[in-house]
């Protein structure tokens, strides 16, 4: 959601430019096709990709962008970190969401830690309920310019108790990335490539901290179609390519309301915001500038749905009202599909 304009990402794989579908190739009904045409007036919008009921319905690029061109998805990557944490629990690398992070990152704890640090769990990190000072917004630059991001995050002063109100902080999800790295002995990118074997999903670039740990929850590049494929896996109950990728129980835990954003009032679970659109539950990841993945589970006769949107990652989306325009666009598409 936050963290400011993009830093320069070095792509781990070349950008694959594939011509986006023209309107005649879209599988969406006429009303949805008109909505996609109307979206062209959003000057920050780069691409939209839609999946429902087992297939891609549409993938549109706007301006010079295509839905296959990697872009920085910013804090929408927090949903990816959440997925990896859930898989780590299922594989026994973490004992559960209630495992204290201090048991994994012992070597990076302050010399005289606040006693509350021992109570901060993996779940608290994912729901932004650590009670620790935020390292997003005004504090983000100082944090990422520190010599050791993990130690700096663990040394942050407490402004509340663990399990209290949501304090949105990219440092929290970075600590999850660090915990994944320490518990597995592998990089988070390696884990993502191994565990998230989702057809069409690929992380094209990802920034590391000074110790080589991939930044949990920001500065991750992927295409709009790749983001859609990730959302489609959640929409399908964790299934992709005929395999269970994300434990279905973890999806339910991630979409359970645990707190709410002080900025928007939206509910928040483990790396996902919670909402309702057009009479349906819709859970979404949100990155700075308007990087969005919306997932609507199947309900009644309506099939599951995933909508990915990417935008200019150097322009704000919250204070300008652009995020709300994307929500309105998503709701129109949910209603039409």
Protein backbone atom coordinates (compact mmCIF):
# COMPACT_ATOMS: atom_id res chain seq x y z
CA UNK A 1 0.00 0.00 0.00
CA UNK A 2 2.63 2.51 1.12
CA UNK A 3 6.38 2.96 0.78
CA UNK A 4 6.60 5.64 -1.89
CA UNK A 5 7.80 5.75 -5.47
CA UNK A 6 9.65 2.81 -6.99
CA UNK A 7 13.31 2.12 -6.40
CA UNK A 8 15.07 0.80 -9.50
CA UNK A 9 14.40 -2.94 -9.86
CA UNK A 10 16.84 -5.23 -11.64
CA UNK A 11 14.77 -7.85 -13.43
CA UNK A 12 15.75 -11.45 -12.70
CA UNK A 13 14.36 -12.49 -16.06
CA UNK A 14 13.89 -10.57 -19.31
CA UNK A 15 10.59 -8.82 -19.83
CA UNK A 16 8.48 -10.94 -22.15
CA UNK A 17 6.36 -8.73 -24.35
CA UNK A 18 3.35 -10.51 -25.78
CA UNK A 19 0.66 -8.60 -27.60
CA UNK A 20 -2.35 -8.12 -25.37
CA UNK A 21 -5.73 -9.43 -26.47
CA UNK A 22 -7.80 -7.24 -28.68
CA UNK A 23 -11.41 -6.79 -27.72
CA UNK A 24 -12.69 -9.39 -30.18
CA UNK A 25 -10.60 -12.05 -28.42
CA UNK A 26 -11.92 -11.31 -24.93
CA UNK A 27 -14.14 -13.99 -23.44
CA UNK A 28 -15.97 -11.52 -21.19
CA UNK A 29 -19.63 -10.68 -21.82
CA UNK A 30 -20.42 -7.47 -23.67
CA UNK A 31 -21.03 -5.36 -20.58
CA UNK A 32 -17.66 -6.28 -19.09
CA UNK A 33 -15.94 -5.54 -22.42
CA UNK A 34 -17.45 -2.06 -22.37
CA UNK A 35 -16.18 -1.58 -18.81
CA UNK A 36 -12.68 -2.57 -19.93
CA UNK A 37 -12.91 -0.07 -22.78
CA UNK A 38 -14.02 2.64 -20.34
CA UNK A 39 -11.02 1.92 -18.11
CA UNK A 40 -8.77 3.49 -20.73
CA UNK A 41 -9.60 6.93 -19.31
CA UNK A 42 -7.62 6.07 -16.14
CA UNK A 43 -4.28 7.57 -17.09
CA UNK A 44 -2.30 5.68 -14.40
CA UNK A 45 -3.67 2.27 -15.44
CA UNK A 46 -1.24 -0.10 -17.17
CA UNK A 47 -3.08 -3.40 -17.56
CA UNK A 48 -5.99 -5.55 -16.40
CA UNK A 49 -6.26 -9.36 -16.46
CA UNK A 50 -9.38 -11.31 -15.48
CA UNK A 51 -9.81 -14.99 -14.62
CA UNK A 52 -13.01 -16.84 -13.77
CA UNK A 53 -14.21 -20.42 -13.63
CA UNK A 54 -10.94 -21.97 -14.75
CA UNK A 55 -9.95 -19.66 -17.61
CA UNK A 56 -8.62 -16.25 -18.47
CA UNK A 57 -11.48 -14.07 -19.66
CA UNK A 58 -9.55 -10.99 -20.71
CA UNK A 59 -6.11 -9.37 -20.58
CA UNK A 60 -5.80 -5.76 -21.68
CA UNK A 61 -2.86 -3.41 -21.84
CA UNK A 62 -3.34 0.36 -21.84
CA UNK A 63 -1.08 2.88 -23.50
CA UNK A 64 2.31 1.31 -24.19
CA UNK A 65 1.84 -1.48 -21.64
CA UNK A 66 0.85 -5.10 -22.16
CA UNK A 67 -0.46 -7.54 -19.53
CA UNK A 68 2.73 -9.59 -19.97
CA UNK A 69 5.19 -6.80 -19.19
CA UNK A 70 6.62 -7.02 -15.64
CA UNK A 71 5.95 -4.09 -13.34
CA UNK A 72 6.58 -3.34 -9.68
CA UNK A 73 3.56 -4.64 -7.75
CA UNK A 74 4.75 -2.90 -4.56
CA UNK A 75 2.79 -3.93 -1.44
CA UNK A 76 0.50 -6.30 -3.35
CA UNK A 77 3.47 -8.63 -2.83
CA UNK A 78 2.50 -8.85 0.86
CA UNK A 79 -0.18 -11.33 -0.23
CA UNK A 80 2.59 -13.44 -1.82
CA UNK A 81 4.58 -13.38 1.44
CA UNK A 82 1.44 -14.51 3.28
CA UNK A 83 1.05 -17.46 0.90
CA UNK A 84 4.66 -18.52 1.51
CA UNK A 85 4.14 -18.30 5.28
CA UNK A 86 1.08 -20.55 5.05
CA UNK A 87 2.97 -23.11 2.99
CA UNK A 88 5.88 -22.96 5.48
CA UNK A 89 3.45 -23.83 8.29
CA UNK A 90 2.03 -26.73 6.28
CA UNK A 91 5.56 -28.01 5.62
CA UNK A 92 6.55 -27.75 9.28
CA UNK A 93 9.11 -24.95 8.90
CA UNK A 94 6.97 -22.76 11.17
CA UNK A 95 5.01 -24.33 14.01
CA UNK A 96 2.04 -22.11 13.25
CA UNK A 97 0.91 -18.51 12.94
CA UNK A 98 1.29 -18.23 16.72
CA UNK A 99 5.03 -18.98 16.66
CA UNK A 100 7.02 -16.06 18.12
CA UNK A 101 9.35 -14.61 15.50
CA UNK A 102 12.04 -14.20 18.18
CA UNK A 103 12.45 -18.00 18.23
CA UNK A 104 13.54 -17.89 14.59
CA UNK A 105 15.50 -14.61 14.43
CA UNK A 106 17.37 -14.95 17.73
CA UNK A 107 20.66 -13.76 16.28
CA UNK A 108 19.18 -10.44 15.19
CA UNK A 109 17.45 -9.45 18.43
CA UNK A 110 18.53 -6.25 20.22
CA UNK A 111 20.91 -6.63 23.17
CA UNK A 112 18.22 -5.55 25.62
CA UNK A 113 14.92 -6.22 23.85
CA UNK A 114 11.56 -4.93 24.99
CA UNK A 115 9.85 -7.92 26.71
CA UNK A 116 6.95 -7.53 24.29
CA UNK A 117 9.20 -8.59 21.41
CA UNK A 118 9.05 -12.17 22.69
CA UNK A 119 5.26 -12.11 22.14
CA UNK A 120 5.30 -10.95 18.50
CA UNK A 121 4.16 -13.86 16.34
CA UNK A 122 4.27 -14.69 12.66
CA UNK A 123 0.55 -13.96 12.60
CA UNK A 124 1.08 -10.54 14.21
CA UNK A 125 3.61 -9.71 11.48
CA UNK A 126 1.21 -10.74 8.71
CA UNK A 127 -1.74 -8.81 10.18
CA UNK A 128 0.39 -5.76 11.06
CA UNK A 129 -0.44 -6.09 14.76
CA UNK A 130 3.07 -6.13 16.22
CA UNK A 131 2.64 -3.01 18.35
CA UNK A 132 5.96 -1.75 16.96
CA UNK A 133 6.63 1.62 15.36
CA UNK A 134 5.76 1.64 11.67
CA UNK A 135 8.54 1.44 9.09
CA UNK A 136 6.36 2.55 6.20
CA UNK A 137 5.33 6.04 5.19
CA UNK A 138 7.60 8.70 6.69
CA UNK A 139 9.85 6.10 8.35
CA UNK A 140 10.38 3.91 5.29
CA UNK A 141 13.38 5.73 3.81
CA UNK A 142 15.35 5.70 7.06
CA UNK A 143 14.63 2.01 7.52
CA UNK A 144 15.78 0.89 4.03
CA UNK A 145 18.88 3.06 4.34
CA UNK A 146 19.93 1.25 7.52
CA UNK A 147 22.81 -1.23 7.43
CA UNK A 148 20.69 -4.18 8.55
CA UNK A 149 16.94 -4.05 7.83
CA UNK A 150 16.08 -7.07 9.97
CA UNK A 151 17.90 -5.81 13.07
CA UNK A 152 16.52 -2.32 12.55
CA UNK A 153 12.98 -3.69 12.33
CA UNK A 154 13.42 -5.80 15.47
CA UNK A 155 14.86 -2.80 17.35
CA UNK A 156 11.88 -0.56 16.54
CA UNK A 157 10.28 0.89 19.69
CA UNK A 158 6.91 -0.40 20.80
CA UNK A 159 4.01 2.01 20.63
CA UNK A 160 1.42 -0.59 21.65
CA UNK A 161 1.04 -4.24 22.56
CA UNK A 162 1.22 -7.20 20.14
CA UNK A 163 -2.25 -8.06 18.89
CA UNK A 164 -3.44 -4.47 19.15
CA UNK A 165 -4.49 -2.09 16.37
CA UNK A 166 -3.11 -2.42 12.86
CA UNK A 167 0.14 -0.51 12.32
CA UNK A 168 0.87 -0.85 8.61
CA UNK A 169 4.58 -1.55 8.19
CA UNK A 170 6.58 -3.20 5.42
CA UNK A 171 9.18 -4.07 8.07
CA UNK A 172 6.67 -6.56 9.49
CA UNK A 173 6.41 -8.59 6.29
CA UNK A 174 10.15 -8.26 5.73
CA UNK A 175 10.63 -10.04 9.05
CA UNK A 176 8.44 -12.86 7.68
CA UNK A 177 10.76 -13.05 4.65
CA UNK A 178 13.75 -13.18 6.98
CA UNK A 179 12.10 -15.89 9.08
CA UNK A 180 11.36 -17.94 5.95
CA UNK A 181 15.01 -17.59 4.91
CA UNK A 182 16.38 -18.59 8.33
CA UNK A 183 13.97 -21.49 8.88
CA UNK A 184 14.52 -23.00 5.43
CA UNK A 185 18.15 -22.10 4.70
CA UNK A 186 16.97 -20.91 1.27
CA UNK A 187 16.19 -17.53 -0.22
CA UNK A 188 12.60 -16.40 -0.32
CA UNK A 189 12.81 -16.17 -4.11
CA UNK A 190 13.94 -19.78 -4.27
CA UNK A 191 11.03 -20.79 -2.05
CA UNK A 192 8.58 -18.86 -4.22
CA UNK A 193 9.86 -20.53 -7.38
CA UNK A 194 9.66 -23.97 -5.76
CA UNK A 195 6.42 -23.66 -3.80
CA UNK A 196 4.36 -21.42 -6.06
CA UNK A 197 4.49 -23.55 -9.20
CA UNK A 198 1.46 -21.87 -10.68
CA UNK A 199 1.06 -21.88 -14.47
CA UNK A 200 1.65 -18.33 -15.68
CA UNK A 201 3.14 -17.12 -12.39
CA UNK A 202 6.66 -15.71 -12.38
CA UNK A 203 8.54 -13.21 -10.24
CA UNK A 204 10.62 -11.23 -12.71
CA UNK A 205 12.60 -9.13 -10.24
CA UNK A 206 12.86 -8.57 -6.49
CA UNK A 207 15.02 -6.31 -4.34
CA UNK A 208 17.21 -7.65 -1.54
CA UNK A 209 18.34 -6.05 1.71
CA UNK A 210 22.07 -5.56 2.51
CA UNK A 211 22.25 -9.10 3.94
CA UNK A 212 20.72 -10.60 0.80
CA UNK A 213 17.23 -11.24 2.17
CA UNK A 214 14.49 -10.53 -0.35
CA UNK A 215 12.34 -7.59 0.68
CA UNK A 216 9.16 -9.02 2.13
CA UNK A 217 6.24 -6.97 0.94
CA UNK A 218 7.64 -4.46 -1.57
CA UNK A 219 9.78 -3.99 -4.68
CA UNK A 220 8.69 -7.20 -6.44
CA UNK A 221 8.16 -7.25 -10.22
CA UNK A 222 5.73 -9.44 -12.10
CA UNK A 223 3.35 -9.12 -15.02
CA UNK A 224 -0.34 -8.40 -14.64
CA UNK A 225 -1.09 -11.90 -15.96
CA UNK A 226 1.27 -13.41 -13.36
CA UNK A 227 -0.52 -11.48 -10.61
CA UNK A 228 -3.84 -12.74 -11.99
CA UNK A 229 -2.54 -16.33 -11.91
CA UNK A 230 -1.61 -15.91 -8.25
CA UNK A 231 -5.08 -14.56 -7.43
CA UNK A 232 -6.73 -17.34 -9.43
CA UNK A 233 -4.97 -19.88 -7.21
CA UNK A 234 -6.60 -18.34 -4.14
CA UNK A 235 -9.93 -18.17 -5.97
CA UNK A 236 -9.60 -21.89 -6.75
CA UNK A 237 -9.14 -22.89 -3.11
CA UNK A 238 -5.35 -23.12 -3.46
CA UNK A 239 -5.38 -25.30 -6.58
CA UNK A 240 -3.34 -24.61 -9.73
CA UNK A 241 -2.25 -26.91 -12.52
CA UNK A 242 -4.05 -29.84 -10.91
CA UNK A 243 -2.04 -29.49 -7.67
CA UNK A 244 -2.75 -28.03 -4.25
CA UNK A 245 -0.39 -25.07 -4.00
CA UNK A 246 -1.71 -23.05 -1.06
CA UNK A 247 -3.38 -24.89 1.83
CA UNK A 248 -7.11 -24.19 1.72
CA UNK A 249 -7.19 -23.79 5.49
CA UNK A 250 -4.56 -21.07 5.25
CA UNK A 251 -6.67 -19.19 2.72
CA UNK A 252 -9.54 -19.18 5.19
CA UNK A 253 -7.25 -17.95 7.96
CA UNK A 254 -5.82 -15.24 5.71
CA UNK A 255 -9.29 -13.95 4.87
CA UNK A 256 -10.50 -13.85 8.46
CA UNK A 257 -10.87 -10.29 9.76
CA UNK A 258 -8.27 -9.67 12.44
CA UNK A 259 -7.96 -5.89 12.44
CA UNK A 260 -8.73 -2.90 10.26
CA UNK A 261 -6.83 -0.17 8.47
CA UNK A 262 -6.62 3.13 10.33
CA UNK A 263 -6.44 4.85 6.94
CA UNK A 264 -9.42 3.31 5.12
CA UNK A 265 -11.37 1.33 7.72
CA UNK A 266 -11.08 -1.80 5.57
CA UNK A 267 -10.77 -5.10 7.37
CA UNK A 268 -7.45 -6.93 7.19
CA UNK A 269 -6.41 -10.55 7.60
CA UNK A 270 -3.00 -12.07 6.84
CA UNK A 271 -1.71 -9.97 3.94
CA UNK A 272 -5.18 -9.33 2.49
CA UNK A 273 -7.70 -6.51 2.80
CA UNK A 274 -11.34 -7.60 3.12
CA UNK A 275 -14.32 -6.02 1.39
CA UNK A 276 -17.68 -6.63 -0.26
CA UNK A 277 -18.42 -5.66 -3.86
CA UNK A 278 -21.66 -6.15 -5.78
CA UNK A 279 -23.01 -8.35 -3.00
CA UNK A 280 -19.95 -10.63 -2.90
CA UNK A 281 -17.06 -11.06 -0.52
CA UNK A 282 -13.96 -9.71 -2.28
CA UNK A 283 -10.49 -9.91 -0.75
CA UNK A 284 -7.70 -7.83 -2.21
CA UNK A 285 -4.02 -7.03 -2.15
CA UNK A 286 -3.07 -3.40 -2.68
CA UNK A 287 0.25 -1.88 -3.65
CA UNK A 288 1.37 1.74 -3.90
CA UNK A 289 0.26 3.41 -7.10
CA UNK A 290 -2.68 1.06 -7.64
CA UNK A 291 -1.29 -2.47 -7.94
CA UNK A 292 -4.35 -4.60 -7.17
CA UNK A 293 -5.35 -8.24 -7.00
CA UNK A 294 -9.05 -8.81 -6.25
CA UNK A 295 -10.31 -12.30 -5.42
CA UNK A 296 -13.99 -13.23 -5.11
CA UNK A 297 -14.59 -16.84 -3.96
CA UNK A 298 -17.34 -18.85 -5.60
CA UNK A 299 -20.77 -18.15 -4.16
CA UNK A 300 -24.07 -19.76 -5.12
CA UNK A 301 -24.19 -20.00 -8.90
CA UNK A 302 -21.40 -17.45 -9.37
CA UNK A 303 -17.97 -18.90 -10.17
CA UNK A 304 -14.75 -17.74 -8.48
CA UNK A 305 -13.17 -14.60 -9.89
CA UNK A 306 -9.73 -12.97 -9.88
CA UNK A 307 -9.01 -9.51 -11.28
CA UNK A 308 -5.47 -8.11 -11.47
CA UNK A 309 -4.78 -4.45 -12.17
CA UNK A 310 -1.41 -2.75 -12.44
CA UNK A 311 -0.73 0.98 -12.57
CA UNK A 312 2.06 3.54 -12.63
CA UNK A 313 4.03 2.59 -9.52
CA UNK A 314 5.54 6.07 -9.14
CA UNK A 315 2.19 7.81 -8.61
CA UNK A 316 0.17 7.71 -5.37
CA UNK A 317 -3.24 6.08 -5.31
CA UNK A 318 -4.70 6.54 -1.83
CA UNK A 319 -4.82 10.26 -1.15
CA UNK A 320 -5.57 11.10 -4.78
CA UNK A 321 -8.72 8.98 -4.95
CA UNK A 322 -7.28 6.78 -7.69
CA UNK A 323 -7.49 3.67 -5.51
CA UNK A 324 -11.20 4.34 -5.00
CA UNK A 325 -11.65 4.58 -8.75
CA UNK A 326 -9.98 1.18 -9.12
CA UNK A 327 -12.31 -0.23 -6.46
CA UNK A 328 -15.26 1.16 -8.40
CA UNK A 329 -13.93 -0.39 -11.61
CA UNK A 330 -13.46 -3.74 -9.85
CA UNK A 331 -16.98 -3.61 -8.45
CA UNK A 332 -18.43 -2.95 -11.91
CA UNK A 333 -16.54 -5.96 -13.24
CA UNK A 334 -17.60 -8.16 -10.32
CA UNK A 335 -21.23 -7.18 -10.94
CA UNK A 336 -20.92 -7.87 -14.69
CA UNK A 337 -19.26 -11.25 -14.25
